Amino acid sequence: MTPEQEARAELARVDLALLIVDAHTTACALDALRVECPTGCARLIVRNKIDLADAHPRVVRHDPETEVHLSALTGAGLELLRAQLREHAGVTESEGAFSARARHVEALQRVATHLDAAAVALHGTRAGELAAEDRRQAQQALAEITGAYTPDDLLGDIFSRFCIGK
């Protein structure tokens, strides 16, 4: 899979797409970026470099997307961006809420089920091979959230610590 294909596959999974453009970006150029976003995906348009356009930080809502005008150079408007990201995540100022996608919750429930089964297999019946399989399945469920970590990755990490010389 090419890097572009990987990026498009990841884009298909997002809940929110940040389209970061110059403050002077035309509507036509922005439309070209919108086409790349999956259907139903919320969009947050970040119009950067307002310091060069002599503009002020602000949030502009256009259903179904929101624009945040800011300057990354001066920091003006960055708090507006943070507030929009918190709002999209469902976090309010009064709570330290945990927000998770439904598929993440389901994956964590599968992780817990497999780890419980591994504990029973290991301590109850002393079946190490069954415990190992349940742990592998738990790792796969967790990888749905964190990204894949394959056995080859593990071996690469282990062997990267060895110093092989003459």
N, C-alpha and C. Protein backbone atom coordinates (compact mmCIF):
# COMPACT_ATOMS: atom_id res chain seq x y z
N MET A 1 0.85 -1.17 0.00
CA MET A 1 0.00 0.00 0.00
C MET A 1 0.90 1.24 0.00
N THR A 2 0.61 2.16 -0.89
CA THR A 2 1.41 3.38 -0.98
C THR A 2 1.07 4.31 0.18
N PRO A 3 1.95 5.26 0.49
CA PRO A 3 1.63 6.22 1.56
C PRO A 3 0.33 6.97 1.29
N GLU A 4 0.07 7.30 0.03
CA GLU A 4 -1.18 8.01 -0.30
C GLU A 4 -2.39 7.12 -0.03
N GLN A 5 -2.30 5.85 -0.37
CA GLN A 5 -3.40 4.92 -0.10
C GLN A 5 -3.60 4.74 1.40
N GLU A 6 -2.51 4.68 2.14
CA GLU A 6 -2.61 4.57 3.60
C GLU A 6 -3.27 5.81 4.19
N ALA A 7 -2.88 6.98 3.69
CA ALA A 7 -3.47 8.22 4.18
C ALA A 7 -4.97 8.27 3.88
N ARG A 8 -5.36 7.85 2.70
CA ARG A 8 -6.78 7.84 2.34
C ARG A 8 -7.56 6.83 3.19
N ALA A 9 -6.95 5.70 3.49
CA ALA A 9 -7.61 4.70 4.34
C ALA A 9 -7.81 5.25 5.74
N GLU A 10 -6.82 5.95 6.27
CA GLU A 10 -6.95 6.55 7.59
C GLU A 10 -7.99 7.67 7.58
N LEU A 11 -8.00 8.45 6.51
CA LEU A 11 -8.96 9.54 6.39
C LEU A 11 -10.39 9.01 6.42
N ALA A 12 -10.61 7.84 5.87
CA ALA A 12 -11.95 7.25 5.86
C ALA A 12 -12.44 6.91 7.27
N ARG A 13 -11.53 6.83 8.23
CA ARG A 13 -11.89 6.45 9.60
C ARG A 13 -12.07 7.63 10.54
N VAL A 14 -11.78 8.84 10.11
CA VAL A 14 -11.77 9.98 11.03
C VAL A 14 -13.17 10.48 11.36
N ASP A 15 -13.29 11.08 12.53
CA ASP A 15 -14.52 11.73 12.94
C ASP A 15 -14.50 13.21 12.57
N LEU A 16 -13.32 13.79 12.52
CA LEU A 16 -13.16 15.20 12.25
C LEU A 16 -11.95 15.41 11.36
N ALA A 17 -12.14 16.12 10.26
CA ALA A 17 -11.03 16.45 9.37
C ALA A 17 -10.67 17.91 9.58
N LEU A 18 -9.39 18.18 9.82
CA LEU A 18 -8.90 19.55 9.91
C LEU A 18 -8.31 19.93 8.56
N LEU A 19 -8.91 20.91 7.94
CA LEU A 19 -8.40 21.41 6.66
C LEU A 19 -7.66 22.71 6.97
N ILE A 20 -6.35 22.66 6.92
CA ILE A 20 -5.54 23.81 7.30
C ILE A 20 -5.13 24.52 6.01
N VAL A 21 -5.58 25.76 5.90
CA VAL A 21 -5.34 26.54 4.69
C VAL A 21 -4.85 27.93 5.06
N ASP A 22 -4.35 28.61 4.08
CA ASP A 22 -3.93 30.00 4.22
C ASP A 22 -5.18 30.88 4.35
N ALA A 23 -5.06 31.98 5.04
CA ALA A 23 -6.20 32.89 5.21
C ALA A 23 -6.75 33.39 3.88
N HIS A 24 -5.93 33.41 2.85
CA HIS A 24 -6.35 33.90 1.53
C HIS A 24 -6.84 32.80 0.61
N THR A 25 -6.96 31.56 1.08
CA THR A 25 -7.38 30.46 0.22
C THR A 25 -8.77 30.72 -0.34
N THR A 26 -8.91 30.51 -1.63
CA THR A 26 -10.18 30.77 -2.30
C THR A 26 -11.19 29.66 -2.02
N ALA A 27 -12.45 29.96 -2.24
CA ALA A 27 -13.52 28.98 -2.05
C ALA A 27 -13.33 27.80 -2.99
N CYS A 28 -12.86 28.06 -4.19
CA CYS A 28 -12.64 26.99 -5.18
C CYS A 28 -11.54 26.02 -4.69
N ALA A 29 -10.45 26.56 -4.19
CA ALA A 29 -9.37 25.72 -3.67
C ALA A 29 -9.84 24.93 -2.46
N LEU A 30 -10.66 25.55 -1.63
CA LEU A 30 -11.19 24.87 -0.45
C LEU A 30 -12.14 23.74 -0.85
N ASP A 31 -12.92 23.96 -1.90
CA ASP A 31 -13.82 22.92 -2.40
C ASP A 31 -13.04 21.68 -2.84
N ALA A 32 -11.86 21.89 -3.42
CA ALA A 32 -11.03 20.76 -3.85
C ALA A 32 -10.61 19.93 -2.65
N LEU A 33 -10.36 20.57 -1.50
CA LEU A 33 -10.00 19.84 -0.28
C LEU A 33 -11.21 19.13 0.31
N ARG A 34 -12.36 19.78 0.26
CA ARG A 34 -13.58 19.18 0.81
C ARG A 34 -13.91 17.86 0.13
N VAL A 35 -13.64 17.76 -1.16
CA VAL A 35 -13.94 16.54 -1.92
C VAL A 35 -13.19 15.34 -1.34
N GLU A 36 -12.02 15.58 -0.77
CA GLU A 36 -11.21 14.50 -0.21
C GLU A 36 -11.77 13.95 1.11
N CYS A 37 -12.65 14.71 1.76
CA CYS A 37 -13.19 14.29 3.06
C CYS A 37 -14.29 13.25 2.88
N PRO A 38 -14.33 12.25 3.75
CA PRO A 38 -15.39 11.24 3.64
C PRO A 38 -16.77 11.86 3.91
N THR A 39 -17.77 11.28 3.30
CA THR A 39 -19.15 11.74 3.50
C THR A 39 -19.53 11.59 4.97
N GLY A 40 -20.13 12.62 5.51
CA GLY A 40 -20.57 12.58 6.90
C GLY A 40 -19.50 12.97 7.91
N CYS A 41 -18.31 13.21 7.46
CA CYS A 41 -17.21 13.59 8.35
C CYS A 41 -17.31 15.07 8.66
N ALA A 42 -17.25 15.41 9.93
CA ALA A 42 -17.24 16.82 10.32
C ALA A 42 -15.94 17.45 9.85
N ARG A 43 -16.01 18.73 9.48
CA ARG A 43 -14.82 19.43 9.00
C ARG A 43 -14.61 20.68 9.84
N LEU A 44 -13.35 20.89 10.18
CA LEU A 44 -12.93 22.10 10.87
C LEU A 44 -11.90 22.75 9.97
N ILE A 45 -12.25 23.90 9.42
CA ILE A 45 -11.34 24.61 8.52
C ILE A 45 -10.53 25.59 9.35
N VAL A 46 -9.23 25.45 9.29
CA VAL A 46 -8.32 26.32 10.03
C VAL A 46 -7.70 27.26 9.02
N ARG A 47 -8.09 28.53 9.11
CA ARG A 47 -7.53 29.55 8.21
C ARG A 47 -6.38 30.22 8.96
N ASN A 48 -5.18 29.87 8.54
CA ASN A 48 -3.96 30.34 9.19
C ASN A 48 -3.45 31.62 8.53
N LYS A 49 -2.48 32.25 9.16
CA LYS A 49 -1.78 33.43 8.67
C LYS A 49 -2.66 34.67 8.61
N ILE A 50 -3.56 34.79 9.61
CA ILE A 50 -4.39 36.00 9.64
C ILE A 50 -3.55 37.23 9.92
N ASP A 51 -2.35 37.04 10.48
CA ASP A 51 -1.47 38.18 10.73
C ASP A 51 -1.04 38.83 9.42
N LEU A 52 -0.95 38.06 8.35
CA LEU A 52 -0.58 38.61 7.04
C LEU A 52 -1.79 39.24 6.34
N ALA A 53 -2.97 38.88 6.75
CA ALA A 53 -4.19 39.41 6.14
C ALA A 53 -4.77 40.56 6.96
N ASP A 54 -4.09 40.93 8.04
CA ASP A 54 -4.55 41.98 8.94
C ASP A 54 -5.98 41.70 9.41
N ALA A 55 -6.23 40.45 9.79
CA ALA A 55 -7.55 40.03 10.26
C ALA A 55 -7.46 39.67 11.73
N HIS A 56 -8.60 39.43 12.34
CA HIS A 56 -8.69 39.12 13.75
C HIS A 56 -9.10 37.66 13.95
N PRO A 57 -8.66 37.04 15.05
CA PRO A 57 -9.07 35.67 15.33
C PRO A 57 -10.59 35.60 15.51
N ARG A 58 -11.18 34.54 14.98
CA ARG A 58 -12.62 34.37 15.13
C ARG A 58 -13.02 32.97 14.72
N VAL A 59 -14.24 32.61 15.12
CA VAL A 59 -14.85 31.34 14.72
C VAL A 59 -16.07 31.68 13.89
N VAL A 60 -16.18 31.04 12.74
CA VAL A 60 -17.32 31.24 11.85
C VAL A 60 -17.94 29.87 11.58
N ARG A 61 -19.22 29.76 11.87
CA ARG A 61 -19.91 28.48 11.66
C ARG A 61 -20.71 28.49 10.36
N HIS A 62 -20.45 27.49 9.55
CA HIS A 62 -21.21 27.24 8.32
C HIS A 62 -21.61 25.77 8.40
N ASP A 63 -22.87 25.51 8.65
CA ASP A 63 -23.28 24.13 8.79
C ASP A 63 -22.95 23.36 7.52
N PRO A 64 -22.25 22.27 7.50
CA PRO A 64 -21.86 21.41 8.61
C PRO A 64 -20.42 21.60 9.08
N GLU A 65 -19.80 22.71 8.74
CA GLU A 65 -18.41 22.89 9.13
C GLU A 65 -18.22 24.20 9.88
N THR A 66 -17.06 24.29 10.50
CA THR A 66 -16.71 25.47 11.27
C THR A 66 -15.35 25.96 10.79
N GLU A 67 -15.17 27.27 10.73
CA GLU A 67 -13.89 27.86 10.38
C GLU A 67 -13.31 28.55 11.61
N VAL A 68 -12.02 28.34 11.82
CA VAL A 68 -11.30 29.05 12.87
C VAL A 68 -10.22 29.86 12.18
N HIS A 69 -10.23 31.17 12.39
CA HIS A 69 -9.24 32.06 11.81
C HIS A 69 -8.19 32.33 12.88
N LEU A 70 -6.92 32.05 12.56
CA LEU A 70 -5.86 32.19 13.55
C LEU A 70 -4.52 32.48 12.90
N SER A 71 -3.54 32.71 13.76
CA SER A 71 -2.16 32.87 13.31
C SER A 71 -1.29 31.93 14.13
N ALA A 72 -0.74 30.94 13.48
CA ALA A 72 0.16 30.03 14.18
C ALA A 72 1.43 30.76 14.60
N LEU A 73 1.83 31.76 13.82
CA LEU A 73 3.05 32.51 14.12
C LEU A 73 2.92 33.30 15.42
N THR A 74 1.82 34.05 15.55
CA THR A 74 1.66 34.90 16.74
C THR A 74 0.92 34.20 17.87
N GLY A 75 0.23 33.12 17.55
CA GLY A 75 -0.57 32.41 18.55
C GLY A 75 -1.97 32.95 18.69
N ALA A 76 -2.29 34.02 17.98
CA ALA A 76 -3.63 34.60 18.05
C ALA A 76 -4.65 33.61 17.50
N GLY A 77 -5.65 33.29 18.30
CA GLY A 77 -6.71 32.39 17.87
C GLY A 77 -6.47 30.92 18.17
N LEU A 78 -5.30 30.58 18.69
CA LEU A 78 -5.04 29.17 18.99
C LEU A 78 -5.99 28.64 20.06
N GLU A 79 -6.34 29.48 21.02
CA GLU A 79 -7.28 29.03 22.05
C GLU A 79 -8.66 28.77 21.45
N LEU A 80 -9.02 29.52 20.42
CA LEU A 80 -10.29 29.26 19.72
C LEU A 80 -10.26 27.88 19.07
N LEU A 81 -9.12 27.53 18.49
CA LEU A 81 -8.98 26.20 17.88
C LEU A 81 -9.08 25.12 18.95
N ARG A 82 -8.39 25.31 20.06
CA ARG A 82 -8.46 24.33 21.15
C ARG A 82 -9.89 24.16 21.64
N ALA A 83 -10.61 25.26 21.76
CA ALA A 83 -12.00 25.20 22.22
C ALA A 83 -12.86 24.42 21.23
N GLN A 84 -12.63 24.62 19.94
CA GLN A 84 -13.41 23.89 18.94
C GLN A 84 -13.10 22.40 18.98
N LEU A 85 -11.84 22.06 19.19
CA LEU A 85 -11.46 20.64 19.29
C LEU A 85 -12.08 20.00 20.53
N ARG A 86 -12.05 20.72 21.64
CA ARG A 86 -12.69 20.21 22.86
C ARG A 86 -14.19 20.03 22.65
N GLU A 87 -14.80 21.01 22.01
CA GLU A 87 -16.24 20.93 21.75
C GLU A 87 -16.58 19.72 20.89
N HIS A 88 -15.78 19.50 19.85
CA HIS A 88 -16.03 18.34 18.98
C HIS A 88 -15.85 17.03 19.75
N ALA A 89 -14.90 17.00 20.66
CA ALA A 89 -14.65 15.79 21.44
C ALA A 89 -15.69 15.59 22.54
N GLY A 90 -16.53 16.60 22.77
CA GLY A 90 -17.57 16.46 23.79
C GLY A 90 -17.10 16.82 25.18
N VAL A 91 -15.98 17.52 25.29
CA VAL A 91 -15.45 17.90 26.58
C VAL A 91 -15.88 19.33 26.88
N THR A 92 -16.46 19.53 28.05
CA THR A 92 -16.83 20.88 28.45
C THR A 92 -15.84 21.35 29.50
N GLU A 93 -15.85 22.63 29.77
CA GLU A 93 -14.91 23.21 30.74
C GLU A 93 -15.17 22.69 32.15
N SER A 94 -16.41 22.31 32.45
CA SER A 94 -16.77 21.91 33.81
C SER A 94 -16.49 20.45 34.11
N GLU A 95 -16.07 19.70 33.12
CA GLU A 95 -15.85 18.29 33.36
C GLU A 95 -14.56 17.82 32.72
N GLY A 96 -13.99 16.81 33.29
CA GLY A 96 -12.83 16.16 32.70
C GLY A 96 -13.34 14.90 32.00
N ALA A 97 -14.23 15.07 31.07
CA ALA A 97 -14.96 13.96 30.46
C ALA A 97 -14.04 13.09 29.63
N PHE A 98 -14.40 11.83 29.58
CA PHE A 98 -13.74 10.88 28.71
C PHE A 98 -14.69 10.63 27.56
N SER A 99 -14.23 10.88 26.38
CA SER A 99 -15.06 10.68 25.20
C SER A 99 -14.41 9.61 24.35
N ALA A 100 -15.19 8.63 23.97
CA ALA A 100 -14.64 7.57 23.14
C ALA A 100 -15.64 7.22 22.05
N ARG A 101 -15.11 6.82 20.95
CA ARG A 101 -15.96 6.36 19.88
C ARG A 101 -16.54 5.01 20.28
N ALA A 102 -17.71 4.71 19.78
CA ALA A 102 -18.38 3.45 20.12
C ALA A 102 -17.50 2.26 19.77
N ARG A 103 -16.81 2.32 18.64
CA ARG A 103 -15.97 1.18 18.26
C ARG A 103 -14.79 1.01 19.22
N HIS A 104 -14.32 2.12 19.81
CA HIS A 104 -13.25 2.02 20.81
C HIS A 104 -13.75 1.33 22.07
N VAL A 105 -14.95 1.69 22.49
CA VAL A 105 -15.54 1.07 23.68
C VAL A 105 -15.73 -0.43 23.44
N GLU A 106 -16.24 -0.78 22.27
CA GLU A 106 -16.44 -2.21 21.94
C GLU A 106 -15.10 -2.94 21.92
N ALA A 107 -14.09 -2.31 21.37
CA ALA A 107 -12.76 -2.94 21.33
C ALA A 107 -12.22 -3.13 22.75
N LEU A 108 -12.40 -2.14 23.61
CA LEU A 108 -11.95 -2.28 25.00
C LEU A 108 -12.71 -3.36 25.75
N GLN A 109 -13.99 -3.53 25.44
CA GLN A 109 -14.77 -4.61 26.06
C GLN A 109 -14.24 -5.97 25.61
N ARG A 110 -13.87 -6.07 24.33
CA ARG A 110 -13.28 -7.33 23.85
C ARG A 110 -11.93 -7.59 24.51
N VAL A 111 -11.14 -6.53 24.70
CA VAL A 111 -9.84 -6.67 25.38
C VAL A 111 -10.07 -7.24 26.78
N ALA A 112 -11.01 -6.66 27.52
CA ALA A 112 -11.29 -7.12 28.88
C ALA A 112 -11.75 -8.58 28.88
N THR A 113 -12.61 -8.94 27.95
CA THR A 113 -13.11 -10.32 27.87
C THR A 113 -11.97 -11.29 27.61
N HIS A 114 -11.09 -10.95 26.65
CA HIS A 114 -9.96 -11.84 26.34
C HIS A 114 -8.96 -11.93 27.48
N LEU A 115 -8.72 -10.82 28.17
CA LEU A 115 -7.79 -10.87 29.30
C LEU A 115 -8.36 -11.67 30.46
N ASP A 116 -9.66 -11.57 30.70
CA ASP A 116 -10.30 -12.40 31.73
C ASP A 116 -10.19 -13.87 31.38
N ALA A 117 -10.44 -14.19 30.11
CA ALA A 117 -10.34 -15.58 29.66
C ALA A 117 -8.90 -16.08 29.78
N ALA A 118 -7.93 -15.22 29.49
CA ALA A 118 -6.52 -15.61 29.62
C ALA A 118 -6.18 -15.91 31.07
N ALA A 119 -6.69 -15.09 31.98
CA ALA A 119 -6.42 -15.31 33.40
C ALA A 119 -7.02 -16.63 33.86
N VAL A 120 -8.23 -16.93 33.42
CA VAL A 120 -8.88 -18.20 33.79
C VAL A 120 -8.09 -19.37 33.22
N ALA A 121 -7.68 -19.25 31.93
CA ALA A 121 -6.93 -20.33 31.30
C ALA A 121 -5.59 -20.55 31.99
N LEU A 122 -4.95 -19.49 32.40
CA LEU A 122 -3.63 -19.62 32.99
C LEU A 122 -3.70 -20.09 34.44
N HIS A 123 -4.58 -19.48 35.23
CA HIS A 123 -4.63 -19.81 36.65
C HIS A 123 -5.58 -20.96 36.97
N GLY A 124 -6.63 -21.06 36.19
CA GLY A 124 -7.62 -22.10 36.48
C GLY A 124 -7.22 -23.46 35.94
N THR A 125 -6.94 -23.53 34.66
CA THR A 125 -6.65 -24.83 34.03
C THR A 125 -5.18 -25.02 33.68
N ARG A 126 -4.38 -23.99 33.94
CA ARG A 126 -2.95 -24.01 33.64
C ARG A 126 -2.68 -24.30 32.16
N ALA A 127 -3.55 -23.75 31.31
CA ALA A 127 -3.41 -23.93 29.87
C ALA A 127 -2.74 -22.70 29.28
N GLY A 128 -1.43 -22.69 29.29
CA GLY A 128 -0.67 -21.55 28.83
C GLY A 128 -0.90 -21.21 27.38
N GLU A 129 -1.08 -22.24 26.55
CA GLU A 129 -1.30 -21.97 25.12
C GLU A 129 -2.64 -21.28 24.88
N LEU A 130 -3.65 -21.61 25.68
CA LEU A 130 -4.94 -20.94 25.55
C LEU A 130 -4.84 -19.49 26.06
N ALA A 131 -4.11 -19.29 27.13
CA ALA A 131 -3.91 -17.94 27.66
C ALA A 131 -3.17 -17.08 26.64
N ALA A 132 -2.18 -17.65 25.98
CA ALA A 132 -1.42 -16.91 24.98
C ALA A 132 -2.31 -16.49 23.81
N GLU A 133 -3.20 -17.37 23.39
CA GLU A 133 -4.12 -17.04 22.29
C GLU A 133 -5.08 -15.92 22.71
N ASP A 134 -5.60 -15.99 23.93
CA ASP A 134 -6.49 -14.92 24.39
C ASP A 134 -5.75 -13.59 24.50
N ARG A 135 -4.52 -13.63 24.93
CA ARG A 135 -3.73 -12.39 25.01
C ARG A 135 -3.46 -11.84 23.62
N ARG A 136 -3.23 -12.70 22.64
CA ARG A 136 -3.02 -12.26 21.27
C ARG A 136 -4.29 -11.58 20.74
N GLN A 137 -5.45 -12.18 21.02
CA GLN A 137 -6.71 -11.59 20.57
C GLN A 137 -6.97 -10.25 21.27
N ALA A 138 -6.59 -10.16 22.54
CA ALA A 138 -6.73 -8.89 23.26
C ALA A 138 -5.84 -7.82 22.62
N GLN A 139 -4.62 -8.22 22.24
CA GLN A 139 -3.71 -7.28 21.59
C GLN A 139 -4.27 -6.81 20.26
N GLN A 140 -4.89 -7.71 19.50
CA GLN A 140 -5.49 -7.32 18.22
C GLN A 140 -6.63 -6.33 18.43
N ALA A 141 -7.45 -6.56 19.44
CA ALA A 141 -8.56 -5.64 19.72
C ALA A 141 -8.02 -4.28 20.13
N LEU A 142 -6.97 -4.27 20.92
CA LEU A 142 -6.37 -3.00 21.34
C LEU A 142 -5.73 -2.28 20.16
N ALA A 143 -5.17 -3.04 19.23
CA ALA A 143 -4.55 -2.44 18.04
C ALA A 143 -5.57 -1.73 17.17
N GLU A 144 -6.85 -2.08 17.29
CA GLU A 144 -7.89 -1.37 16.54
C GLU A 144 -7.97 0.09 17.00
N ILE A 145 -7.54 0.35 18.21
CA ILE A 145 -7.57 1.71 18.76
C ILE A 145 -6.22 2.39 18.57
N THR A 146 -5.17 1.69 18.94
CA THR A 146 -3.84 2.30 19.00
C THR A 146 -3.05 2.17 17.71
N GLY A 147 -3.49 1.31 16.82
CA GLY A 147 -2.73 1.03 15.61
C GLY A 147 -2.09 -0.32 15.74
N ALA A 148 -1.79 -0.93 14.61
CA ALA A 148 -1.27 -2.29 14.61
C ALA A 148 0.15 -2.36 15.17
N TYR A 149 0.37 -3.34 16.00
CA TYR A 149 1.70 -3.65 16.52
C TYR A 149 1.86 -5.14 16.31
N THR A 150 2.54 -5.51 15.25
CA THR A 150 2.61 -6.90 14.82
C THR A 150 3.74 -7.63 15.53
N PRO A 151 3.72 -8.97 15.45
CA PRO A 151 4.85 -9.74 15.98
C PRO A 151 6.18 -9.32 15.35
N ASP A 152 6.15 -8.95 14.06
CA ASP A 152 7.38 -8.46 13.41
C ASP A 152 7.86 -7.17 14.06
N ASP A 153 6.92 -6.30 14.45
CA ASP A 153 7.29 -5.07 15.16
C ASP A 153 7.97 -5.41 16.48
N LEU A 154 7.41 -6.38 17.21
CA LEU A 154 7.98 -6.80 18.48
C LEU A 154 9.39 -7.34 18.29
N LEU A 155 9.57 -8.21 17.30
CA LEU A 155 10.91 -8.75 17.04
C LEU A 155 11.88 -7.65 16.64
N GLY A 156 11.40 -6.70 15.84
CA GLY A 156 12.24 -5.57 15.45
C GLY A 156 12.70 -4.77 16.66
N ASP A 157 11.77 -4.55 17.61
CA ASP A 157 12.13 -3.83 18.83
C ASP A 157 13.16 -4.60 19.65
N ILE A 158 12.95 -5.90 19.78
CA ILE A 158 13.87 -6.72 20.56
C ILE A 158 15.26 -6.72 19.95
N PHE A 159 15.33 -6.99 18.63
CA PHE A 159 16.64 -7.10 17.99
C PHE A 159 17.31 -5.75 17.77
N SER A 160 16.56 -4.67 17.84
CA SER A 160 17.19 -3.35 17.68
C SER A 160 18.04 -3.01 18.91
N ARG A 161 17.83 -3.73 19.99
CA ARG A 161 18.58 -3.46 21.22
C ARG A 161 19.89 -4.26 21.30
N PHE A 162 20.05 -5.21 20.37
CA PHE A 162 21.27 -6.01 20.37
C PHE A 162 22.36 -5.26 19.61
N CYS A 163 23.56 -5.39 20.11
CA CYS A 163 24.73 -4.84 19.44
C CYS A 163 25.49 -6.00 18.82
N ILE A 164 25.47 -6.06 17.52
CA ILE A 164 26.14 -7.17 16.83
C ILE A 164 27.40 -6.62 16.20
N GLY A 165 28.53 -7.19 16.58
CA GLY A 165 29.80 -6.71 16.05
C GLY A 165 30.75 -7.85 15.80
N LYS A 166 31.94 -7.49 15.40
CA LYS A 166 32.96 -8.52 15.10
C LYS A 166 33.70 -8.93 16.34
